[in-house]
Amino acid sequence: MGTPEYQLKASLIALLDGIKRSDGPIVTQEMERLDTYLLTNRSELHPQLAHFIERRSYAKALAYLEAESAV
Protein backbone atom coordinates (compact mmCIF):
# COMPACT_ATOMS: atom_id res chain seq x y z
CA MET A 1 0.00 0.00 0.00
CA GLY A 2 2.88 2.40 0.64
CA THR A 3 3.31 5.43 2.83
CA PRO A 4 0.42 7.83 3.46
CA GLU A 5 2.08 10.37 1.15
CA TYR A 6 2.34 7.74 -1.59
CA GLN A 7 -1.32 6.81 -1.15
CA LEU A 8 -2.35 10.46 -1.21
CA LYS A 9 -0.30 11.11 -4.34
CA ALA A 10 -1.71 8.00 -6.06
CA SER A 11 -5.24 9.14 -5.27
CA LEU A 12 -4.57 12.62 -6.65
CA ILE A 13 -3.09 11.16 -9.84
CA ALA A 14 -6.09 8.83 -10.27
CA LEU A 15 -8.50 11.72 -9.67
CA LEU A 16 -6.85 14.06 -12.14
CA ASP A 17 -6.70 11.26 -14.71
CA GLY A 18 -10.38 10.52 -14.11
CA ILE A 19 -11.23 14.18 -14.65
CA LYS A 20 -9.22 14.21 -17.87
CA ARG A 21 -11.07 11.11 -19.13
CA SER A 22 -14.48 12.30 -17.82
CA ASP A 23 -14.75 9.12 -15.73
CA GLY A 24 -17.41 10.10 -13.21
CA PRO A 25 -17.18 7.00 -10.98
CA ILE A 26 -13.40 7.38 -10.57
CA VAL A 27 -13.72 11.10 -9.88
CA THR A 28 -16.36 10.45 -7.22
CA GLN A 29 -14.38 7.60 -5.66
CA GLU A 30 -11.14 9.54 -5.45
CA MET A 31 -12.78 12.74 -4.16
CA GLU A 32 -14.42 10.71 -1.40
CA ARG A 33 -11.09 9.04 -0.62
CA LEU A 34 -9.35 12.43 -0.41
CA ASP A 35 -12.11 13.89 1.78
CA THR A 36 -11.85 10.92 4.14
CA TYR A 37 -8.07 11.14 4.19
CA LEU A 38 -8.26 14.82 5.08
CA LEU A 39 -10.75 14.18 7.89
CA THR A 40 -8.71 11.39 9.45
CA ASN A 41 -5.17 12.70 8.88
CA ARG A 42 -5.40 16.51 8.90
CA SER A 43 -3.12 16.83 11.94
CA GLU A 44 -0.38 14.90 10.13
CA LEU A 45 -0.55 16.97 6.94
CA HIS A 46 1.39 20.13 6.28
CA PRO A 47 -1.12 23.01 6.58
CA GLN A 48 -0.53 24.08 2.97
CA LEU A 49 -1.26 20.58 1.68
CA ALA A 50 -4.38 20.32 3.84
CA HIS A 51 -5.51 23.70 2.47
CA PHE A 52 -5.08 22.54 -1.14
CA ILE A 53 -7.08 19.37 -0.55
CA GLU A 54 -9.77 21.16 1.44
CA ARG A 55 -10.20 23.75 -1.33
CA ARG A 56 -10.14 21.01 -3.98
CA SER A 57 -7.00 22.44 -5.55
CA TYR A 58 -5.92 18.95 -6.50
CA ALA A 59 -3.33 19.92 -9.12
CA LYS A 60 -1.66 22.19 -6.55
CA ALA A 61 -1.75 19.41 -3.95
CA LEU A 62 -0.07 17.03 -6.38
CA ALA A 63 2.55 19.64 -7.30
CA TYR A 64 3.22 20.17 -3.58
CA LEU A 65 3.74 16.44 -3.00
CA GLU A 66 5.99 16.14 -6.04
CA ALA A 67 8.10 19.07 -4.87
CA GLU A 68 8.38 17.52 -1.39
CA SER A 69 9.49 14.16 -2.79
CA ALA A 70 12.18 15.89 -4.88
CA VAL A 71 13.83 17.34 -1.77
PDB file of N, CA and C in Angstrom:
ATOM      1  N   MET A   1       0.812  -1.196   0.000  1.00  0.00           N
ATOM      2  CA  MET A   1       0.000   0.000   0.000  1.00  0.00           C
ATOM      3  C   MET A   1       0.855   1.260   0.000  1.00  0.00           C
ATOM      4  N   GLY A   2       2.006   1.246   0.668  1.00  0.00           N
ATOM      5  CA  GLY A   2       2.882   2.395   0.638  1.00  0.00           C
ATOM      6  C   GLY A   2       2.632   3.367   1.775  1.00  0.00           C
ATOM      7  N   THR A   3       3.436   4.400   1.796  1.00  0.00           N
ATOM      8  CA  THR A   3       3.313   5.429   2.828  1.00  0.00           C
ATOM      9  C   THR A   3       2.046   6.245   2.605  1.00  0.00           C
ATOM     10  N   PRO A   4       1.611   6.962   3.642  1.00  0.00           N
ATOM     11  CA  PRO A   4       0.425   7.826   3.455  1.00  0.00           C
ATOM     12  C   PRO A   4       0.617   8.844   2.332  1.00  0.00           C
ATOM     13  N   GLU A   5       1.830   9.403   2.220  1.00  0.00           N
ATOM     14  CA  GLU A   5       2.081  10.372   1.150  1.00  0.00           C
ATOM     15  C   GLU A   5       1.953   9.710  -0.221  1.00  0.00           C
ATOM     16  N   TYR A   6       2.448   8.473  -0.322  1.00  0.00           N
ATOM     17  CA  TYR A   6       2.344   7.745  -1.586  1.00  0.00           C
ATOM     18  C   TYR A   6       0.879   7.492  -1.923  1.00  0.00           C
ATOM     19  N   GLN A   7       0.097   7.085  -0.926  1.00  0.00           N
ATOM     20  CA  GLN A   7      -1.323   6.815  -1.153  1.00  0.00           C
ATOM     21  C   GLN A   7      -2.062   8.084  -1.552  1.00  0.00           C
ATOM     22  N   LEU A   8      -1.737   9.174  -0.893  1.00  0.00           N
ATOM     23  CA  LEU A   8      -2.354  10.455  -1.214  1.00  0.00           C
ATOM     24  C   LEU A   8      -2.012  10.876  -2.642  1.00  0.00           C
ATOM     25  N   LYS A   9      -0.745  10.752  -2.990  1.00  0.00           N
ATOM     26  CA  LYS A   9      -0.298  11.107  -4.338  1.00  0.00           C
ATOM     27  C   LYS A   9      -0.971  10.221  -5.389  1.00  0.00           C
ATOM     28  N   ALA A  10      -1.058   8.926  -5.117  1.00  0.00           N
ATOM     29  CA  ALA A  10      -1.705   8.004  -6.058  1.00  0.00           C
ATOM     30  C   ALA A  10      -3.177   8.365  -6.253  1.00  0.00           C
ATOM     31  N   SER A  11      -3.840   8.751  -5.181  1.00  0.00           N
ATOM     32  CA  SER A  11      -5.241   9.139  -5.273  1.00  0.00           C
ATOM     33  C   SER A  11      -5.404  10.418  -6.089  1.00  0.00           C
ATOM     34  N   LEU A  12      -4.517  11.374  -5.871  1.00  0.00           N
ATOM     35  CA  LEU A  12      -4.566  12.622  -6.652  1.00  0.00           C
ATOM     36  C   LEU A  12      -4.327  12.355  -8.138  1.00  0.00           C
ATOM     37  N   ILE A  13      -3.376  11.500  -8.440  1.00  0.00           N
ATOM     38  CA  ILE A  13      -3.092  11.161  -9.842  1.00  0.00           C
ATOM     39  C   ILE A  13      -4.305  10.483 -10.468  1.00  0.00           C
ATOM     40  N   ALA A  14      -4.907   9.529  -9.749  1.00  0.00           N
ATOM     41  CA  ALA A  14      -6.085   8.828 -10.271  1.00  0.00           C
ATOM     42  C   ALA A  14      -7.245   9.803 -10.482  1.00  0.00           C
ATOM     43  N   LEU A  15      -7.423  10.732  -9.543  1.00  0.00           N
ATOM     44  CA  LEU A  15      -8.498  11.716  -9.666  1.00  0.00           C
ATOM     45  C   LEU A  15      -8.291  12.608 -10.886  1.00  0.00           C
ATOM     46  N   LEU A  16      -7.107  13.158 -11.012  1.00  0.00           N
ATOM     47  CA  LEU A  16      -6.846  14.058 -12.142  1.00  0.00           C
ATOM     48  C   LEU A  16      -6.957  13.321 -13.476  1.00  0.00           C
ATOM     49  N   ASP A  17      -6.544  12.058 -13.501  1.00  0.00           N
ATOM     50  CA  ASP A  17      -6.698  11.259 -14.712  1.00  0.00           C
ATOM     51  C   ASP A  17      -8.181  11.003 -14.990  1.00  0.00           C
ATOM     52  N   GLY A  18      -8.945  10.725 -13.943  1.00  0.00           N
ATOM     53  CA  GLY A  18     -10.384  10.515 -14.107  1.00  0.00           C
ATOM     54  C   GLY A  18     -11.083  11.755 -14.635  1.00  0.00           C
ATOM     55  N   ILE A  19     -10.665  12.911 -14.145  1.00  0.00           N
ATOM     56  CA  ILE A  19     -11.230  14.175 -14.647  1.00  0.00           C
ATOM     57  C   ILE A  19     -10.901  14.334 -16.124  1.00  0.00           C
ATOM     58  N   LYS A  20      -9.656  14.070 -16.473  1.00  0.00           N
ATOM     59  CA  LYS A  20      -9.219  14.210 -17.867  1.00  0.00           C
ATOM     60  C   LYS A  20     -10.017  13.295 -18.797  1.00  0.00           C
ATOM     61  N   ARG A  21     -10.348  12.087 -18.307  1.00  0.00           N
ATOM     62  CA  ARG A  21     -11.072  11.110 -19.125  1.00  0.00           C
ATOM     63  C   ARG A  21     -12.586  11.194 -18.946  1.00  0.00           C
ATOM     64  N   SER A  22     -13.048  12.158 -18.128  1.00  0.00           N
ATOM     65  CA  SER A  22     -14.483  12.304 -17.822  1.00  0.00           C
ATOM     66  C   SER A  22     -15.075  11.009 -17.261  1.00  0.00           C
ATOM     67  N   ASP A  23     -14.326  10.375 -16.354  1.00  0.00           N
ATOM     68  CA  ASP A  23     -14.745   9.124 -15.730  1.00  0.00           C
ATOM     69  C   ASP A  23     -15.373   9.450 -14.374  1.00  0.00           C
ATOM     70  N   GLY A  24     -16.677   9.690 -14.394  1.00  0.00           N
ATOM     71  CA  GLY A  24     -17.406  10.103 -13.209  1.00  0.00           C
ATOM     72  C   GLY A  24     -17.224   9.205 -11.997  1.00  0.00           C
ATOM     73  N   PRO A  25     -17.339   7.877 -12.149  1.00  0.00           N
ATOM     74  CA  PRO A  25     -17.179   7.005 -10.984  1.00  0.00           C
ATOM     75  C   PRO A  25     -15.793   7.113 -10.333  1.00  0.00           C
ATOM     76  N   ILE A  26     -14.752   7.231 -11.126  1.00  0.00           N
ATOM     77  CA  ILE A  26     -13.401   7.375 -10.572  1.00  0.00           C
ATOM     78  C   ILE A  26     -13.272   8.725  -9.872  1.00  0.00           C
ATOM     79  N   VAL A  27     -13.785   9.766 -10.489  1.00  0.00           N
ATOM     80  CA  VAL A  27     -13.718  11.104  -9.881  1.00  0.00           C
ATOM     81  C   VAL A  27     -14.420  11.084  -8.526  1.00  0.00           C
ATOM     82  N   THR A  28     -15.605  10.535  -8.472  1.00  0.00           N
ATOM     83  CA  THR A  28     -16.357  10.454  -7.216  1.00  0.00           C
ATOM     84  C   THR A  28     -15.609   9.641  -6.176  1.00  0.00           C
ATOM     85  N   GLN A  29     -15.109   8.485  -6.577  1.00  0.00           N
ATOM     86  CA  GLN A  29     -14.383   7.598  -5.661  1.00  0.00           C
ATOM     87  C   GLN A  29     -13.159   8.288  -5.070  1.00  0.00           C
ATOM     88  N   GLU A  30     -12.374   8.924  -5.917  1.00  0.00           N
ATOM     89  CA  GLU A  30     -11.136   9.543  -5.446  1.00  0.00           C
ATOM     90  C   GLU A  30     -11.405  10.808  -4.626  1.00  0.00           C
ATOM     91  N   MET A  31     -12.440  11.560  -4.971  1.00  0.00           N
ATOM     92  CA  MET A  31     -12.781  12.737  -4.165  1.00  0.00           C
ATOM     93  C   MET A  31     -13.222  12.297  -2.770  1.00  0.00           C
ATOM     94  N   GLU A  32     -14.002  11.231  -2.697  1.00  0.00           N
ATOM     95  CA  GLU A  32     -14.422  10.706  -1.395  1.00  0.00           C
ATOM     96  C   GLU A  32     -13.218  10.209  -0.604  1.00  0.00           C
ATOM     97  N   ARG A  33     -12.305   9.541  -1.278  1.00  0.00           N
ATOM     98  CA  ARG A  33     -11.094   9.042  -0.622  1.00  0.00           C
ATOM     99  C   ARG A  33     -10.265  10.209  -0.071  1.00  0.00           C
ATOM    100  N   LEU A  34     -10.122  11.262  -0.857  1.00  0.00           N
ATOM    101  CA  LEU A  34      -9.354  12.426  -0.411  1.00  0.00           C
ATOM    102  C   LEU A  34     -10.046  13.142   0.741  1.00  0.00           C
ATOM    103  N   ASP A  35     -11.365  13.267   0.682  1.00  0.00           N
ATOM    104  CA  ASP A  35     -12.109  13.891   1.778  1.00  0.00           C
ATOM    105  C   ASP A  35     -11.931  13.096   3.073  1.00  0.00           C
ATOM    106  N   THR A  36     -12.024  11.783   2.972  1.00  0.00           N
ATOM    107  CA  THR A  36     -11.846  10.916   4.141  1.00  0.00           C
ATOM    108  C   THR A  36     -10.428  11.022   4.673  1.00  0.00           C
ATOM    109  N   TYR A  37      -9.462  11.021   3.774  1.00  0.00           N
ATOM    110  CA  TYR A  37      -8.067  11.142   4.188  1.00  0.00           C
ATOM    111  C   TYR A  37      -7.854  12.449   4.944  1.00  0.00           C
ATOM    112  N   LEU A  38      -8.406  13.524   4.439  1.00  0.00           N
ATOM    113  CA  LEU A  38      -8.259  14.822   5.082  1.00  0.00           C
ATOM    114  C   LEU A  38      -8.889  14.811   6.476  1.00  0.00           C
ATOM    115  N   LEU A  39     -10.071  14.233   6.594  1.00  0.00           N
ATOM    116  CA  LEU A  39     -10.752  14.177   7.894  1.00  0.00           C
ATOM    117  C   LEU A  39      -9.969  13.370   8.926  1.00  0.00           C
ATOM    118  N   THR A  40      -9.368  12.284   8.500  1.00  0.00           N
ATOM    119  CA  THR A  40      -8.709  11.392   9.452  1.00  0.00           C
ATOM    120  C   THR A  40      -7.235  11.703   9.673  1.00  0.00           C
ATOM    121  N   ASN A  41      -6.615  12.471   8.785  1.00  0.00           N
ATOM    122  CA  ASN A  41      -5.171  12.700   8.879  1.00  0.00           C
ATOM    123  C   ASN A  41      -4.764  14.165   8.849  1.00  0.00           C
ATOM    124  N   ARG A  42      -5.706  15.071   9.017  1.00  0.00           N
ATOM    125  CA  ARG A  42      -5.397  16.507   8.902  1.00  0.00           C
ATOM    126  C   ARG A  42      -4.218  16.908   9.785  1.00  0.00           C
ATOM    127  N   SER A  43      -4.176  16.418  11.008  1.00  0.00           N
ATOM    128  CA  SER A  43      -3.121  16.831  11.943  1.00  0.00           C
ATOM    129  C   SER A  43      -1.731  16.396  11.480  1.00  0.00           C
ATOM    130  N   GLU A  44      -1.660  15.397  10.628  1.00  0.00           N
ATOM    131  CA  GLU A  44      -0.379  14.898  10.132  1.00  0.00           C
ATOM    132  C   GLU A  44       0.056  15.591   8.834  1.00  0.00           C
ATOM    133  N   LEU A  45      -0.846  16.325   8.220  1.00  0.00           N
ATOM    134  CA  LEU A  45      -0.549  16.974   6.945  1.00  0.00           C
ATOM    135  C   LEU A  45       0.028  18.360   7.164  1.00  0.00           C
ATOM    136  N   HIS A  46       0.903  18.751   6.274  1.00  0.00           N
ATOM    137  CA  HIS A  46       1.394  20.128   6.275  1.00  0.00           C
ATOM    138  C   HIS A  46       0.177  21.022   6.033  1.00  0.00           C
ATOM    139  N   PRO A  47       0.064  22.147   6.743  1.00  0.00           N
ATOM    140  CA  PRO A  47      -1.118  23.015   6.584  1.00  0.00           C
ATOM    141  C   PRO A  47      -1.382  23.437   5.139  1.00  0.00           C
ATOM    142  N   GLN A  48      -0.338  23.673   4.368  1.00  0.00           N
ATOM    143  CA  GLN A  48      -0.533  24.077   2.969  1.00  0.00           C
ATOM    144  C   GLN A  48      -1.164  22.950   2.158  1.00  0.00           C
ATOM    145  N   LEU A  49      -0.704  21.730   2.382  1.00  0.00           N
ATOM    146  CA  LEU A  49      -1.260  20.578   1.675  1.00  0.00           C
ATOM    147  C   LEU A  49      -2.713  20.355   2.081  1.00  0.00           C
ATOM    148  N   ALA A  50      -2.999  20.457   3.371  1.00  0.00           N
ATOM    149  CA  ALA A  50      -4.385  20.316   3.839  1.00  0.00           C
ATOM    150  C   ALA A  50      -5.274  21.386   3.203  1.00  0.00           C
ATOM    151  N   HIS A  51      -4.760  22.603   3.099  1.00  0.00           N
ATOM    152  CA  HIS A  51      -5.508  23.696   2.472  1.00  0.00           C
ATOM    153  C   HIS A  51      -5.835  23.368   1.011  1.00  0.00           C
ATOM    154  N   PHE A  52      -4.843  22.873   0.266  1.00  0.00           N
ATOM    155  CA  PHE A  52      -5.078  22.539  -1.142  1.00  0.00           C
ATOM    156  C   PHE A  52      -6.159  21.473  -1.275  1.00  0.00           C
ATOM    157  N   ILE A  53      -6.100  20.444  -0.451  1.00  0.00           N
ATOM    158  CA  ILE A  53      -7.080  19.365  -0.546  1.00  0.00           C
ATOM    159  C   ILE A  53      -8.460  19.866  -0.123  1.00  0.00           C
ATOM    160  N   GLU A  54      -8.502  20.623   0.949  1.00  0.00           N
ATOM    161  CA  GLU A  54      -9.774  21.159   1.437  1.00  0.00           C
ATOM    162  C   GLU A  54     -10.451  22.045   0.386  1.00  0.00           C
ATOM    163  N   ARG A  55      -9.669  22.837  -0.311  1.00  0.00           N
ATOM    164  CA  ARG A  55     -10.199  23.750  -1.330  1.00  0.00           C
ATOM    165  C   ARG A  55     -10.342  23.089  -2.699  1.00  0.00           C
ATOM    166  N   ARG A  56     -10.047  21.799  -2.738  1.00  0.00           N
ATOM    167  CA  ARG A  56     -10.139  21.010  -3.977  1.00  0.00           C
ATOM    168  C   ARG A  56      -9.191  21.520  -5.072  1.00  0.00           C
ATOM    169  N   SER A  57      -8.066  22.024  -4.626  1.00  0.00           N
ATOM    170  CA  SER A  57      -6.997  22.440  -5.552  1.00  0.00           C
ATOM    171  C   SER A  57      -6.071  21.246  -5.736  1.00  0.00           C
ATOM    172  N   TYR A  58      -6.604  20.236  -6.419  1.00  0.00           N
ATOM    173  CA  TYR A  58      -5.918  18.955  -6.495  1.00  0.00           C
ATOM    174  C   TYR A  58      -4.615  19.015  -7.289  1.00  0.00           C
ATOM    175  N   ALA A  59      -4.574  19.798  -8.348  1.00  0.00           N
ATOM    176  CA  ALA A  59      -3.335  19.920  -9.119  1.00  0.00           C
ATOM    177  C   ALA A  59      -2.246  20.565  -8.253  1.00  0.00           C
ATOM    178  N   LYS A  60      -2.621  21.545  -7.446  1.00  0.00           N
ATOM    179  CA  LYS A  60      -1.656  22.189  -6.548  1.00  0.00           C
ATOM    180  C   LYS A  60      -1.193  21.214  -5.467  1.00  0.00           C
ATOM    181  N   ALA A  61      -2.109  20.401  -4.954  1.00  0.00           N
ATOM    182  CA  ALA A  61      -1.748  19.407  -3.947  1.00  0.00           C
ATOM    183  C   ALA A  61      -0.750  18.410  -4.517  1.00  0.00           C
ATOM    184  N   LEU A  62      -0.988  17.970  -5.740  1.00  0.00           N
ATOM    185  CA  LEU A  62      -0.067  17.034  -6.382  1.00  0.00           C
ATOM    186  C   LEU A  62       1.289  17.694  -6.619  1.00  0.00           C
ATOM    187  N   ALA A  63       1.293  18.922  -7.079  1.00  0.00           N
ATOM    188  CA  ALA A  63       2.555  19.642  -7.297  1.00  0.00           C
ATOM    189  C   ALA A  63       3.315  19.790  -5.977  1.00  0.00           C
ATOM    190  N   TYR A  64       2.593  20.050  -4.899  1.00  0.00           N
ATOM    191  CA  TYR A  64       3.223  20.170  -3.580  1.00  0.00           C
ATOM    192  C   TYR A  64       3.893  18.857  -3.198  1.00  0.00           C
ATOM    193  N   LEU A  65       3.177  17.744  -3.354  1.00  0.00           N
ATOM    194  CA  LEU A  65       3.742  16.436  -3.001  1.00  0.00           C
ATOM    195  C   LEU A  65       4.932  16.086  -3.875  1.00  0.00           C
ATOM    196  N   GLU A  66       4.854  16.423  -5.149  1.00  0.00           N
ATOM    197  CA  GLU A  66       5.986  16.135  -6.043  1.00  0.00           C
ATOM    198  C   GLU A  66       7.195  16.962  -5.675  1.00  0.00           C
ATOM    199  N   ALA A  67       6.992  18.212  -5.283  1.00  0.00           N
ATOM    200  CA  ALA A  67       8.105  19.071  -4.868  1.00  0.00           C
ATOM    201  C   ALA A  67       8.711  18.540  -3.571  1.00  0.00           C
ATOM    202  N   GLU A  68       7.889  18.067  -2.654  1.00  0.00           N
ATOM    203  CA  GLU A  68       8.376  17.521  -1.392  1.00  0.00           C
ATOM    204  C   GLU A  68       9.195  16.258  -1.612  1.00  0.00           C
ATOM    205  N   SER A  69       8.761  15.420  -2.561  1.00  0.00           N
ATOM    206  CA  SER A  69       9.488  14.161  -2.792  1.00  0.00           C
ATOM    207  C   SER A  69      10.803  14.404  -3.537  1.00  0.00           C
ATOM    208  N   ALA A  70      10.943  15.567  -4.161  1.00  0.00           N
ATOM    209  CA  ALA A  70      12.180  15.893  -4.882  1.00  0.00           C
ATOM    210  C   ALA A  70      13.272  16.409  -3.941  1.00  0.00           C
ATOM    211  N   VAL A  71      12.867  16.777  -2.732  1.00  0.00           N
ATOM    212  CA  VAL A  71      13.831  17.340  -1.771  1.00  0.00           C
ATOM    213  C   VAL A  71      14.671  16.264  -1.145  1.00  0.00           C
TER     214      VAL A  71
END
